[in-house]
Amino acid sequence: MLLRVILLLLLLLPAFQEAAGAAVCPSDTVVIAEIRFQGNETTKSSVLQKELTFATGDTLVTASLVELLEENRKRLFNLRLFHNVTYTYTCQEGQVSVLYTMQERWYLYPFPIFSLADRNFNAWWDKKDYDRIDYGINLVRRNFRGRNEEVRIKLQHGFNRRVEFAYRVPYVSRSHRIGFDFGIADYRSHTIDVITRNNRQRFFEQEEGMPVKRMAVSAALVHRQNVQRQQGFRLSFHQEEVSDSVLVFNPEYFRSDVQKREFVRFELFKAINLRNNFAYPLTGSYFEVAVGQTMFLNNAGAHFTTARAKYVDYRKLSNKYYYTVGGEGQLRLSRRYAYADNVALGFRSMVRGYELYVIGGQHFGLFKQGLSRELINLKGIHLKPIKSSKFNTIPLALYLNAFTDAGYVVDQEFEENNPLTNRLLLGGGLGLHAVTFYDIVVRAEYTINREGDRGIYLSGRFPF
């Protein structure tokens, strides 16, 4: 008898579920009667409300309600202010009440600085110079005043000395569409890369004093449609000075017979970020484009125009398999080019497998693709000794990633003695990626490039 009852319940369960769903919102359309937020002890509700694509009083199609609520849950999560965001809703007589519940992160980060004075860990390991170490503190206050503002202060000593202040305000207008950011930085170093040979930087270290000093002030006005779509205008002033010894080693460092130069840079930019997760995306797409004009003061250099664009597509192939493919390019136009401005691959952008090389140039194209297999996806490892809910639950995801990269750099000025310029660059390999809380990403990758170089390389951010 008991077995018959169980079987009958299993058969009727879908009907019960359908009936329950119909009872919640039986009409074809519903009206949003209330939107509430829970758990936002620091974050202001008005900031969260402006991120949503619906508001109180809106009439919505019932069939698309759940999809809309989930899309907006992702919007709130991608503010990167919360560990997790969930939602519930109730419907009575066509009136819907929505509740978003979130767990806030810790917003004050006093990061100690103990870093290597090179482009990346792999470049430092190649030299193993223990004097090339920086130390200090990087203080970051996220969600300042509960308005998703950010304040950064960096005090760095050691081989490279740096003082920085940055302030970002996403909303300054009542419509929550206009924001701004401001920054000032001063940089000085005991060494400077004066020339590139065989696509390796050659450094000059001065016995007394600093061979390079750089200062920059920048401000930007940003039109922010939402967390996913932004465009804006940036204006910055730069001052750079090198010692006379630098010009002895490389007279074309500034391409003018000057030790000091000043320039102003104007830049227009736009970004459309439709990724499911900004720290380690698996689905969606990303597009950015920027056009800038650099103008030198006092005839200290030739003006140049730079255009950059990037597009990446992220796709879910099956339950645990994901595919990423994208491209990036740069175009730089000028009458003549200085060595200090000859930046292409090897810094922010690179072909994996060429981490130890710098491929300077005026223009470049970059293609990347990768296939990932999810190995582990733990929503939370609970640490009982830690009482704070902001730290006692650690999510952990591991992915096995196979990848291939290709790139090409055009250099018409400094290609001599640098064989990797004006040549197709190819790299590929296998990597293990770890993703945990506070957007921490750790990559360990074994790569091989077209030149036959092999190695294991470490990185702390998503590859594309």
Foldseek 3Di string as FASTA:
>chain_A
DVVVVVVVCVVCVVVVVVVVVCVFAVDQKAFAAEEEEAQLPQADPVLLQLQAPDDHGDIGGPVCVVVRVVLSLLQVVQLLFFLHKDKDWGHDPRYIYIYIYTHGADFKDWDWAWAFQDLAPVQCVVVVDVQRIKTFTWIKGACVNNNRKIWIWTAMDGQKGKTKIKIWHQADDPSSFKIKMKMKMKIFGQKDQLAAFQQATDIDGDPDDTQKIKIKIKMKMKGHSHPFKIKIKMKMKMKMFGDVVSCVVPVLQQDDNDRIWIKMKIKIKIKGHQFSHPFAGAADKIKMKMKMWIGIPPPSHWIKIKIKIKIKGKADPDDFKIKIKIKIKMAMDTPDDGNNPQADEQHPHHFPQQVNGGAGARMKMKIKMKMKGKDDWASWDAQVVDDDPNPRTKTKTKIKMWMKMKMAHAHPDRCPSHVRHRDIKIKIWIKMWMAMPSSWIKIWTWMAIPVGDTDIDIDTGHND
